[in-house]
C-alpha cells in the first residue's frame, strides 16, 4: 500500500486501484480481435510460454520465420508487442511475466 497523509488520500488511492483492476478485468473479458491477441490471451491463461507454444502449434500456425512456433516467439511477442495487440492486454501479459520472475518460476 502506498503511504498517505490522511484518510481522503488513502480513499483516493484505493479508488484508483479499484478503477485500474476493473479496467484489467474488462480487458480480460473481451474476445481476442486477432491471432496475436489469441496468443497473448493463452499466455495470460497458462502463464507459460511452453504451453502457449504448444497451443499455437496445435493450430498448425508457423512463425514469421516459416518454422514451428517456439517459446521464444511467444516471449518476443510479449516483449515487442504487435500492432494488432491492444496495449492494455499487452500490459497484463507483461505483468504476468514479472509475477513469474518474482516467484522464481
PDB file of N, CA and C in Angstrom:
ATOM      1  N   UNK A   1       0.845  -1.165   0.000  1.00  0.00           N
ATOM      2  CA  UNK A   1       0.000   0.000   0.000  1.00  0.00           C
ATOM      3  C   UNK A   1       0.900   1.240   0.000  1.00  0.00           C
ATOM      4  N   UNK A   2       0.475   2.239  -0.749  1.00  0.00           N
ATOM      5  CA  UNK A   2       1.227   3.493  -0.800  1.00  0.00           C
ATOM      6  C   UNK A   2       1.033   4.262   0.500  1.00  0.00           C
ATOM      7  N   UNK A   3       2.031   5.096   0.819  1.00  0.00           N
ATOM      8  CA  UNK A   3       1.877   5.926   2.011  1.00  0.00           C
ATOM      9  C   UNK A   3       0.869   7.037   1.715  1.00  0.00           C
ATOM     10  N   UNK A   4       0.269   7.543   2.756  1.00  0.00           N
ATOM     11  CA  UNK A   4      -0.756   8.569   2.607  1.00  0.00           C
ATOM     12  C   UNK A   4      -0.674   9.513   3.789  1.00  0.00           C
ATOM     13  N   UNK A   5      -1.217  10.713   3.602  1.00  0.00           N
ATOM     14  CA  UNK A   5      -1.146  11.711   4.671  1.00  0.00           C
ATOM     15  C   UNK A   5      -2.458  11.833   5.450  1.00  0.00           C
ATOM     16  N   UNK A   6      -3.558  11.400   4.838  1.00  0.00           N
ATOM     17  CA  UNK A   6      -4.837  11.422   5.547  1.00  0.00           C
ATOM     18  C   UNK A   6      -5.784  10.398   4.915  1.00  0.00           C
ATOM     19  N   UNK A   7      -6.929  10.219   5.522  1.00  0.00           N
ATOM     20  CA  UNK A   7      -7.881   9.211   5.058  1.00  0.00           C
ATOM     21  C   UNK A   7      -8.371   9.515   3.650  1.00  0.00           C
ATOM     22  N   UNK A   8      -8.600  10.778   3.336  1.00  0.00           N
ATOM     23  CA  UNK A   8      -9.074  11.146   1.997  1.00  0.00           C
ATOM     24  C   UNK A   8      -8.069  10.707   0.929  1.00  0.00           C
ATOM     25  N   UNK A   9      -6.795  10.879   1.212  1.00  0.00           N
ATOM     26  CA  UNK A   9      -5.760  10.460   0.260  1.00  0.00           C
ATOM     27  C   UNK A   9      -5.727   8.937   0.131  1.00  0.00           C
ATOM     28  N   UNK A  10      -5.905   8.235   1.241  1.00  0.00           N
ATOM     29  CA  UNK A  10      -5.961   6.772   1.213  1.00  0.00           C
ATOM     30  C   UNK A  10      -7.153   6.305   0.384  1.00  0.00           C
ATOM     31  N   UNK A  11      -8.298   6.926   0.592  1.00  0.00           N
ATOM     32  CA  UNK A  11      -9.501   6.554  -0.161  1.00  0.00           C
ATOM     33  C   UNK A  11      -9.278   6.773  -1.648  1.00  0.00           C
ATOM     34  N   UNK A  12      -8.708   7.910  -2.024  1.00  0.00           N
ATOM     35  CA  UNK A  12      -8.447   8.196  -3.439  1.00  0.00           C
ATOM     36  C   UNK A  12      -7.488   7.165  -4.033  1.00  0.00           C
ATOM     37  N   UNK A  13      -6.480   6.794  -3.277  1.00  0.00           N
ATOM     38  CA  UNK A  13      -5.519   5.790  -3.747  1.00  0.00           C
ATOM     39  C   UNK A  13      -6.198   4.441  -3.962  1.00  0.00           C
ATOM     40  N   UNK A  14      -7.017   4.037  -3.010  1.00  0.00           N
ATOM     41  CA  UNK A  14      -7.721   2.758  -3.123  1.00  0.00           C
ATOM     42  C   UNK A  14      -8.725   2.777  -4.273  1.00  0.00           C
ATOM     43  N   UNK A  15      -9.436   3.891  -4.437  1.00  0.00           N
ATOM     44  CA  UNK A  15     -10.384   4.001  -5.550  1.00  0.00           C
ATOM     45  C   UNK A  15      -9.665   3.933  -6.891  1.00  0.00           C
ATOM     46  N   UNK A  16      -8.490   4.519  -6.960  1.00  0.00           N
ATOM     47  CA  UNK A  16      -7.688   4.462  -8.185  1.00  0.00           C
ATOM     48  C   UNK A  16      -7.276   3.021  -8.495  1.00  0.00           C
ATOM     49  N   UNK A  17      -6.901   2.279  -7.453  1.00  0.00           N
ATOM     50  CA  UNK A  17      -6.534   0.873  -7.639  1.00  0.00           C
ATOM     51  C   UNK A  17      -7.733   0.056  -8.113  1.00  0.00           C
ATOM     52  N   UNK A  18      -8.900   0.332  -7.562  1.00  0.00           N
ATOM     53  CA  UNK A  18     -10.120  -0.374  -7.967  1.00  0.00           C
ATOM     54  C   UNK A  18     -10.425  -0.093  -9.435  1.00  0.00           C
ATOM     55  N   UNK A  19     -10.297   1.173  -9.860  1.00  0.00           N
ATOM     56  CA  UNK A  19     -10.537   1.519 -11.270  1.00  0.00           C
ATOM     57  C   UNK A  19      -9.567   0.767 -12.179  1.00  0.00           C
ATOM     58  N   UNK A  20      -8.303   0.713 -11.772  1.00  0.00           N
ATOM     59  CA  UNK A  20      -7.298   0.015 -12.579  1.00  0.00           C
ATOM     60  C   UNK A  20      -7.626  -1.476 -12.676  1.00  0.00           C
ATOM     61  N   UNK A  21      -8.031  -2.078 -11.570  1.00  0.00           N
ATOM     62  CA  UNK A  21      -8.400  -3.500 -11.588  1.00  0.00           C
ATOM     63  C   UNK A  21      -9.628  -3.741 -12.455  1.00  0.00           C
ATOM     64  N   UNK A  22     -10.616  -2.862 -12.375  1.00  0.00           N
ATOM     65  CA  UNK A  22     -11.810  -3.002 -13.218  1.00  0.00           C
ATOM     66  C   UNK A  22     -11.454  -2.883 -14.693  1.00  0.00           C
ATOM     67  N   UNK A  23     -10.530  -1.988 -15.022  1.00  0.00           N
ATOM     68  CA  UNK A  23     -10.079  -1.858 -16.413  1.00  0.00           C
ATOM     69  C   UNK A  23      -9.423  -3.153 -16.885  1.00  0.00           C
ATOM     70  N   UNK A  24      -8.582  -3.755 -16.026  1.00  0.00           N
ATOM     71  CA  UNK A  24      -7.932  -5.022 -16.389  1.00  0.00           C
ATOM     72  C   UNK A  24      -8.965  -6.129 -16.569  1.00  0.00           C
ATOM     73  N   UNK A  25      -9.937  -6.190 -15.683  1.00  0.00           N
ATOM     74  CA  UNK A  25     -10.990  -7.210 -15.781  1.00  0.00           C
ATOM     75  C   UNK A  25     -11.753  -7.051 -17.088  1.00  0.00           C
ATOM     76  N   UNK A  26     -12.110  -5.821 -17.427  1.00  0.00           N
ATOM     77  CA  UNK A  26     -12.837  -5.575 -18.678  1.00  0.00           C
ATOM     78  C   UNK A  26     -12.005  -5.973 -19.886  1.00  0.00           C
ATOM     79  N   UNK A  27     -10.712  -5.722 -19.842  1.00  0.00           N
ATOM     80  CA  UNK A  27      -9.821  -6.129 -20.937  1.00  0.00           C
ATOM     81  C   UNK A  27      -9.825  -7.646 -21.077  1.00  0.00           C
ATOM     82  N   UNK A  28      -9.752  -8.353 -19.949  1.00  0.00           N
ATOM     83  CA  UNK A  28      -9.701  -9.815 -19.987  1.00  0.00           C
ATOM     84  C   UNK A  28     -11.034 -10.441 -20.394  1.00  0.00           C
ATOM     85  N   UNK A  29     -12.127  -9.713 -20.247  1.00  0.00           N
ATOM     86  CA  UNK A  29     -13.440 -10.226 -20.647  1.00  0.00           C
ATOM     87  C   UNK A  29     -13.677 -10.119 -22.150  1.00  0.00           C
ATOM     88  N   UNK A  30     -12.866  -9.330 -22.839  1.00  0.00           N
ATOM     89  CA  UNK A  30     -13.051  -9.144 -24.277  1.00  0.00           C
ATOM     90  C   UNK A  30     -12.567 -10.371 -25.047  1.00  0.00           C
ATOM     91  N   UNK A  31     -13.138 -10.558 -26.214  1.00  0.00           N
ATOM     92  CA  UNK A  31     -12.695 -11.624 -27.114  1.00  0.00           C
ATOM     93  C   UNK A  31     -11.460 -11.142 -27.874  1.00  0.00           C
ATOM     94  N   UNK A  32     -10.538 -12.057 -28.184  1.00  0.00           N
ATOM     95  CA  UNK A  32      -9.370 -11.651 -28.980  1.00  0.00           C
ATOM     96  C   UNK A  32      -9.809 -11.128 -30.345  1.00  0.00           C
ATOM     97  N   UNK A  33      -9.162 -10.053 -30.780  1.00  0.00           N
ATOM     98  CA  UNK A  33      -9.516  -9.434 -32.057  1.00  0.00           C
ATOM     99  C   UNK A  33      -8.557  -9.838 -33.174  1.00  0.00           C
ATOM    100  N   UNK A  34      -7.519 -10.581 -32.832  1.00  0.00           N
ATOM    101  CA  UNK A  34      -6.535 -11.011 -33.829  1.00  0.00           C
ATOM    102  C   UNK A  34      -5.884 -12.301 -33.341  1.00  0.00           C
ATOM    103  N   UNK A  35      -5.132 -12.931 -34.239  1.00  0.00           N
ATOM    104  CA  UNK A  35      -4.430 -14.145 -33.834  1.00  0.00           C
ATOM    105  C   UNK A  35      -3.413 -13.836 -32.735  1.00  0.00           C
ATOM    106  N   UNK A  36      -2.685 -12.731 -32.874  1.00  0.00           N
ATOM    107  CA  UNK A  36      -1.693 -12.378 -31.852  1.00  0.00           C
ATOM    108  C   UNK A  36      -2.346 -12.145 -30.495  1.00  0.00           C
ATOM    109  N   UNK A  37      -3.521 -11.540 -30.485  1.00  0.00           N
ATOM    110  CA  UNK A  37      -4.229 -11.374 -29.211  1.00  0.00           C
ATOM    111  C   UNK A  37      -4.642 -12.731 -28.649  1.00  0.00           C
ATOM    112  N   UNK A  38      -5.009 -13.655 -29.514  1.00  0.00           N
ATOM    113  CA  UNK A  38      -5.357 -15.007 -29.066  1.00  0.00           C
ATOM    114  C   UNK A  38      -4.151 -15.652 -28.383  1.00  0.00           C
ATOM    115  N   UNK A  39      -2.966 -15.454 -28.949  1.00  0.00           N
ATOM    116  CA  UNK A  39      -1.735 -15.993 -28.359  1.00  0.00           C
ATOM    117  C   UNK A  39      -1.491 -15.356 -26.992  1.00  0.00           C
ATOM    118  N   UNK A  40      -1.660 -14.043 -26.902  1.00  0.00           N
ATOM    119  CA  UNK A  40      -1.432 -13.342 -25.633  1.00  0.00           C
ATOM    120  C   UNK A  40      -2.440 -13.789 -24.580  1.00  0.00           C
ATOM    121  N   UNK A  41      -3.704 -13.935 -24.956  1.00  0.00           N
ATOM    122  CA  UNK A  41      -4.711 -14.441 -24.010  1.00  0.00           C
ATOM    123  C   UNK A  41      -4.314 -15.827 -23.501  1.00  0.00           C
ATOM    124  N   UNK A  42      -3.831 -16.681 -24.391  1.00  0.00           N
ATOM    125  CA  UNK A  42      -3.429 -18.032 -23.981  1.00  0.00           C
ATOM    126  C   UNK A  42      -2.266 -17.957 -23.001  1.00  0.00           C
ATOM    127  N   UNK A  43      -1.308 -17.058 -23.265  1.00  0.00           N
ATOM    128  CA  UNK A  43      -0.181 -16.908 -22.337  1.00  0.00           C
ATOM    129  C   UNK A  43      -0.684 -16.443 -20.966  1.00  0.00           C
ATOM    130  N   UNK A  44      -1.572 -15.459 -20.945  1.00  0.00           N
ATOM    131  CA  UNK A  44      -2.107 -14.970 -19.675  1.00  0.00           C
ATOM    132  C   UNK A  44      -2.847 -16.095 -18.951  1.00  0.00           C
ATOM    133  N   UNK A  45      -3.577 -16.912 -19.703  1.00  0.00           N
ATOM    134  CA  UNK A  45      -4.336 -18.026 -19.132  1.00  0.00           C
ATOM    135  C   UNK A  45      -3.416 -19.072 -18.509  1.00  0.00           C
ATOM    136  N   UNK A  46      -2.341 -19.423 -19.207  1.00  0.00           N
ATOM    137  CA  UNK A  46      -1.471 -20.503 -18.741  1.00  0.00           C
ATOM    138  C   UNK A  46      -0.272 -20.012 -17.942  1.00  0.00           C
ATOM    139  N   UNK A  47       0.168 -18.783 -18.211  1.00  0.00           N
ATOM    140  CA  UNK A  47       1.375 -18.277 -17.556  1.00  0.00           C
ATOM    141  C   UNK A  47       2.623 -18.990 -18.023  1.00  0.00           C
ATOM    142  N   UNK A  48       2.532 -19.654 -19.174  1.00  0.00           N
ATOM    143  CA  UNK A  48       3.636 -20.486 -19.657  1.00  0.00           C
ATOM    144  C   UNK A  48       3.868 -20.255 -21.144  1.00  0.00           C
ATOM    145  N   UNK A  49       5.108 -19.891 -21.497  1.00  0.00           N
ATOM    146  CA  UNK A  49       5.421 -19.753 -22.922  1.00  0.00           C
ATOM    147  C   UNK A  49       5.405 -21.122 -23.592  1.00  0.00           C
ATOM    148  N   UNK A  50       5.800 -22.159 -22.873  1.00  0.00           N
ATOM    149  CA  UNK A  50       5.806 -23.511 -23.436  1.00  0.00           C
ATOM    150  C   UNK A  50       4.404 -24.003 -23.769  1.00  0.00           C
ATOM    151  N   UNK A  51       3.468 -23.821 -22.841  1.00  0.00           N
ATOM    152  CA  UNK A  51       2.085 -24.242 -23.088  1.00  0.00           C
ATOM    153  C   UNK A  51       1.452 -23.402 -24.191  1.00  0.00           C
ATOM    154  N   UNK A  52       1.818 -22.124 -24.241  1.00  0.00           N
ATOM    155  CA  UNK A  52       1.299 -21.252 -25.297  1.00  0.00           C
ATOM    156  C   UNK A  52       1.844 -21.690 -26.646  1.00  0.00           C
ATOM    157  N   UNK A  53       3.121 -22.023 -26.692  1.00  0.00           N
ATOM    158  CA  UNK A  53       3.746 -22.526 -27.924  1.00  0.00           C
ATOM    159  C   UNK A  53       3.033 -23.787 -28.386  1.00  0.00           C
ATOM    160  N   UNK A  54       2.759 -24.699 -27.466  1.00  0.00           N
ATOM    161  CA  UNK A  54       2.056 -25.940 -27.820  1.00  0.00           C
ATOM    162  C   UNK A  54       0.667 -25.641 -28.387  1.00  0.00           C
ATOM    163  N   UNK A  55      -0.019 -24.668 -27.803  1.00  0.00           N
ATOM    164  CA  UNK A  55      -1.334 -24.257 -28.292  1.00  0.00           C
ATOM    165  C   UNK A  55      -1.234 -23.761 -29.735  1.00  0.00           C
ATOM    166  N   UNK A  56      -0.264 -22.893 -30.013  1.00  0.00           N
ATOM    167  CA  UNK A  56      -0.109 -22.345 -31.365  1.00  0.00           C
ATOM    168  C   UNK A  56       0.246 -23.459 -32.341  1.00  0.00           C
ATOM    169  N   UNK A  57       1.118 -24.356 -31.925  1.00  0.00           N
ATOM    170  CA  UNK A  57       1.485 -25.475 -32.804  1.00  0.00           C
ATOM    171  C   UNK A  57       0.280 -26.362 -33.096  1.00  0.00           C
ATOM    172  N   UNK A  58      -0.613 -26.519 -32.115  1.00  0.00           N
ATOM    173  CA  UNK A  58      -1.804 -27.353 -32.335  1.00  0.00           C
ATOM    174  C   UNK A  58      -2.710 -26.747 -33.406  1.00  0.00           C
ATOM    175  N   UNK A  59      -2.586 -25.448 -33.606  1.00  0.00           N
ATOM    176  CA  UNK A  59      -3.357 -24.766 -34.651  1.00  0.00           C
ATOM    177  C   UNK A  59      -2.636 -24.809 -35.999  1.00  0.00           C
ATOM    178  N   UNK A  60      -1.446 -25.415 -35.985  1.00  0.00           N
ATOM    179  CA  UNK A  60      -0.612 -25.557 -37.187  1.00  0.00           C
ATOM    180  C   UNK A  60      -0.246 -24.207 -37.804  1.00  0.00           C
ATOM    181  N   UNK A  61      -0.006 -23.229 -36.938  1.00  0.00           N
ATOM    182  CA  UNK A  61       0.427 -21.905 -37.386  1.00  0.00           C
ATOM    183  C   UNK A  61       1.941 -21.838 -37.260  1.00  0.00           C
ATOM    184  N   UNK A  62       2.583 -21.319 -38.284  1.00  0.00           N
ATOM    185  CA  UNK A  62       4.045 -21.196 -38.271  1.00  0.00           C
ATOM    186  C   UNK A  62       4.432 -19.785 -37.837  1.00  0.00           C
ATOM    187  N   UNK A  63       5.677 -19.651 -37.420  1.00  0.00           N
ATOM    188  CA  UNK A  63       6.192 -18.344 -37.009  1.00  0.00           C
ATOM    189  C   UNK A  63       6.455 -17.483 -38.237  1.00  0.00           C
ATOM    190  N   UNK A  64       6.840 -16.238 -38.003  1.00  0.00           N
ATOM    191  CA  UNK A  64       7.183 -15.335 -39.109  1.00  0.00           C
ATOM    192  C   UNK A  64       8.347 -15.877 -39.929  1.00  0.00           C
ATOM    193  N   UNK A  65       9.165 -16.708 -39.305  1.00  0.00           N
ATOM    194  CA  UNK A  65      10.326 -17.292 -39.989  1.00  0.00           C
ATOM    195  C   UNK A  65       9.940 -18.482 -40.858  1.00  0.00           C
ATOM    196  N   UNK A  66       8.684 -18.914 -40.753  1.00  0.00           N
ATOM    197  CA  UNK A  66       8.231 -20.064 -41.524  1.00  0.00           C
ATOM    198  C   UNK A  66       8.510 -21.388 -40.841  1.00  0.00           C
ATOM    199  N   UNK A  67       8.932 -21.334 -39.580  1.00  0.00           N
ATOM    200  CA  UNK A  67       9.217 -22.551 -38.821  1.00  0.00           C
ATOM    201  C   UNK A  67       8.136 -22.753 -37.759  1.00  0.00           C
ATOM    202  N   UNK A  68       8.214 -23.888 -37.064  1.00  0.00           N
ATOM    203  CA  UNK A  68       7.278 -24.134 -35.972  1.00  0.00           C
ATOM    204  C   UNK A  68       7.406 -23.031 -34.927  1.00  0.00           C
ATOM    205  N   UNK A  69       6.300 -22.655 -34.352  1.00  0.00           N
ATOM    206  CA  UNK A  69       6.265 -21.623 -33.320  1.00  0.00           C
ATOM    207  C   UNK A  69       7.058 -22.096 -32.114  1.00  0.00           C
ATOM    208  N   UNK A  70       7.843 -21.219 -31.509  1.00  0.00           N
ATOM    209  CA  UNK A  70       8.664 -21.588 -30.355  1.00  0.00           C
ATOM    210  C   UNK A  70       8.282 -20.749 -29.136  1.00  0.00           C
ATOM    211  N   UNK A  71       8.767 -21.179 -27.981  1.00  0.00           N
ATOM    212  CA  UNK A  71       8.565 -20.396 -26.758  1.00  0.00           C
ATOM    213  C   UNK A  71       9.187 -19.017 -26.913  1.00  0.00           C
ATOM    214  N   UNK A  72      10.316 -18.959 -27.609  1.00  0.00           N
ATOM    215  CA  UNK A  72      10.977 -17.678 -27.859  1.00  0.00           C
ATOM    216  C   UNK A  72      10.110 -16.733 -28.669  1.00  0.00           C
ATOM    217  N   UNK A  73       9.330 -17.286 -29.598  1.00  0.00           N
ATOM    218  CA  UNK A  73       8.407 -16.451 -30.377  1.00  0.00           C
ATOM    219  C   UNK A  73       7.341 -15.834 -29.467  1.00  0.00           C
ATOM    220  N   UNK A  74       6.881 -16.611 -28.493  1.00  0.00           N
ATOM    221  CA  UNK A  74       5.891 -16.101 -27.538  1.00  0.00           C
ATOM    222  C   UNK A  74       6.519 -14.985 -26.703  1.00  0.00           C
ATOM    223  N   UNK A  75       7.724 -15.233 -26.192  1.00  0.00           N
ATOM    224  CA  UNK A  75       8.418 -14.224 -25.387  1.00  0.00           C
ATOM    225  C   UNK A  75       8.655 -12.950 -26.182  1.00  0.00           C
ATOM    226  N   UNK A  76       9.056 -13.118 -27.432  1.00  0.00           N
ATOM    227  CA  UNK A  76       9.319 -11.965 -28.298  1.00  0.00           C
ATOM    228  C   UNK A  76       8.035 -11.167 -28.534  1.00  0.00           C
ATOM    229  N   UNK A  77       6.930 -11.859 -28.731  1.00  0.00           N
ATOM    230  CA  UNK A  77       5.647 -11.190 -28.948  1.00  0.00           C
ATOM    231  C   UNK A  77       5.255 -10.375 -27.717  1.00  0.00           C
ATOM    232  N   UNK A  78       5.469 -10.942 -26.537  1.00  0.00           N
ATOM    233  CA  UNK A  78       5.146 -10.227 -25.298  1.00  0.00           C
ATOM    234  C   UNK A  78       6.079  -9.028 -25.120  1.00  0.00           C
ATOM    235  N   UNK A  79       7.342  -9.231 -25.392  1.00  0.00           N
ATOM    236  CA  UNK A  79       8.330  -8.166 -25.198  1.00  0.00           C
ATOM    237  C   UNK A  79       8.150  -7.030 -26.195  1.00  0.00           C
ATOM    238  N   UNK A  80       8.019  -7.362 -27.470  1.00  0.00           N
ATOM    239  CA  UNK A  80       7.980  -6.346 -28.525  1.00  0.00           C
ATOM    240  C   UNK A  80       6.574  -5.894 -28.884  1.00  0.00           C
ATOM    241  N   UNK A  81       5.578  -6.714 -28.562  1.00  0.00           N
ATOM    242  CA  UNK A  81       4.211  -6.383 -28.928  1.00  0.00           C
ATOM    243  C   UNK A  81       3.990  -6.513 -30.427  1.00  0.00           C
ATOM    244  N   UNK A  82       2.836  -6.077 -30.876  1.00  0.00           N
ATOM    245  CA  UNK A  82       2.479  -6.075 -32.295  1.00  0.00           C
ATOM    246  C   UNK A  82       1.353  -5.066 -32.479  1.00  0.00           C
ATOM    247  N   UNK A  83       1.209  -4.593 -33.703  1.00  0.00           N
ATOM    248  CA  UNK A  83       0.193  -3.575 -33.990  1.00  0.00           C
ATOM    249  C   UNK A  83      -1.226  -4.062 -33.713  1.00  0.00           C
ATOM    250  N   UNK A  84      -1.433  -5.377 -33.778  1.00  0.00           N
ATOM    251  CA  UNK A  84      -2.787  -5.908 -33.607  1.00  0.00           C
ATOM    252  C   UNK A  84      -3.068  -6.429 -32.195  1.00  0.00           C
ATOM    253  N   UNK A  85      -2.256  -5.992 -31.222  1.00  0.00           N
ATOM    254  CA  UNK A  85      -2.481  -6.359 -29.817  1.00  0.00           C
ATOM    255  C   UNK A  85      -2.774  -5.077 -29.046  1.00  0.00           C
ATOM    256  N   UNK A  86      -3.856  -5.079 -28.287  1.00  0.00           N
ATOM    257  CA  UNK A  86      -4.189  -3.873 -27.522  1.00  0.00           C
ATOM    258  C   UNK A  86      -3.110  -3.630 -26.462  1.00  0.00           C
ATOM    259  N   UNK A  87      -2.745  -2.375 -26.251  1.00  0.00           N
ATOM    260  CA  UNK A  87      -1.728  -2.051 -25.244  1.00  0.00           C
ATOM    261  C   UNK A  87      -2.126  -2.527 -23.849  1.00  0.00           C
ATOM    262  N   UNK A  88      -3.421  -2.491 -23.550  1.00  0.00           N
ATOM    263  CA  UNK A  88      -3.893  -2.929 -22.235  1.00  0.00           C
ATOM    264  C   UNK A  88      -3.666  -4.427 -22.041  1.00  0.00           C
ATOM    265  N   UNK A  89      -3.941  -5.206 -23.076  1.00  0.00           N
ATOM    266  CA  UNK A  89      -3.743  -6.651 -22.994  1.00  0.00           C
ATOM    267  C   UNK A  89      -2.260  -6.980 -22.869  1.00  0.00           C
ATOM    268  N   UNK A  90      -1.445  -6.283 -23.624  1.00  0.00           N
ATOM    269  CA  UNK A  90      -0.003  -6.489 -23.571  1.00  0.00           C
ATOM    270  C   UNK A  90       0.541  -6.152 -22.180  1.00  0.00           C
ATOM    271  N   UNK A  91       0.019  -5.099 -21.575  1.00  0.00           N
ATOM    272  CA  UNK A  91       0.454  -4.714 -20.229  1.00  0.00           C
ATOM    273  C   UNK A  91       0.137  -5.816 -19.219  1.00  0.00           C
ATOM    274  N   UNK A  92      -1.021  -6.453 -19.361  1.00  0.00           N
ATOM    275  CA  UNK A  92      -1.385  -7.548 -18.455  1.00  0.00           C
ATOM    276  C   UNK A  92      -0.433  -8.724 -18.654  1.00  0.00           C
ATOM    277  N   UNK A  93      -0.126  -9.061 -19.903  1.00  0.00           N
ATOM    278  CA  UNK A  93       0.804 -10.165 -20.176  1.00  0.00           C
ATOM    279  C   UNK A  93       2.171  -9.871 -19.565  1.00  0.00           C
ATOM    280  N   UNK A  94       2.612  -8.638 -19.671  1.00  0.00           N
ATOM    281  CA  UNK A  94       3.916  -8.266 -19.094  1.00  0.00           C
ATOM    282  C   UNK A  94       3.884  -8.340 -17.578  1.00  0.00           C
ATOM    283  N   UNK A  95       2.728  -8.041 -16.968  1.00  0.00           N
ATOM    284  CA  UNK A  95       2.583  -8.202 -15.516  1.00  0.00           C
ATOM    285  C   UNK A  95       2.748  -9.668 -15.132  1.00  0.00           C
ATOM    286  N   UNK A  96       2.168 -10.556 -15.941  1.00  0.00           N
ATOM    287  CA  UNK A  96       2.292 -11.995 -15.679  1.00  0.00           C
ATOM    288  C   UNK A  96       3.764 -12.401 -15.724  1.00  0.00           C
ATOM    289  N   UNK A  97       4.496 -11.892 -16.714  1.00  0.00           N
ATOM    290  CA  UNK A  97       5.931 -12.191 -16.816  1.00  0.00           C
ATOM    291  C   UNK A  97       6.640 -11.752 -15.541  1.00  0.00           C
ATOM    292  N   UNK A  98       6.365 -10.533 -15.076  1.00  0.00           N
ATOM    293  CA  UNK A  98       7.026 -10.019 -13.872  1.00  0.00           C
ATOM    294  C   UNK A  98       6.623 -10.807 -12.627  1.00  0.00           C
ATOM    295  N   UNK A  99       5.363 -11.224 -12.546  1.00  0.00           N
ATOM    296  CA  UNK A  99       4.922 -12.034 -11.405  1.00  0.00           C
ATOM    297  C   UNK A  99       5.676 -13.353 -11.379  1.00  0.00           C
ATOM    298  N   UNK A 100       5.846 -13.957 -12.560  1.00  0.00           N
ATOM    299  CA  UNK A 100       6.549 -15.236 -12.631  1.00  0.00           C
ATOM    300  C   UNK A 100       8.013 -15.071 -12.243  1.00  0.00           C
ATOM    301  N   UNK A 101       8.631 -13.971 -12.661  1.00  0.00           N
ATOM    302  CA  UNK A 101      10.032 -13.726 -12.311  1.00  0.00           C
ATOM    303  C   UNK A 101      10.183 -13.521 -10.812  1.00  0.00           C
ATOM    304  N   UNK A 102       9.237 -12.816 -10.199  1.00  0.00           N
ATOM    305  CA  UNK A 102       9.275 -12.589  -8.753  1.00  0.00           C
ATOM    306  C   UNK A 102       9.155 -13.898  -7.987  1.00  0.00           C
ATOM    307  N   UNK A 103       8.328 -14.798  -8.511  1.00  0.00           N
ATOM    308  CA  UNK A 103       8.103 -16.078  -7.844  1.00  0.00           C
ATOM    309  C   UNK A 103       9.199 -17.082  -8.160  1.00  0.00           C
ATOM    310  N   UNK A 104      10.052 -16.746  -9.109  1.00  0.00           N
ATOM    311  CA  UNK A 104      11.150 -17.637  -9.462  1.00  0.00           C
ATOM    312  C   UNK A 104      10.731 -18.836 -10.266  1.00  0.00           C
ATOM    313  N   UNK A 105       9.660 -18.690 -11.043  1.00  0.00           N
ATOM    314  CA  UNK A 105       9.175 -19.812 -11.854  1.00  0.00           C
ATOM    315  C   UNK A 105       9.477 -19.571 -13.297  1.00  0.00           C
TER     316      UNK A 105
END
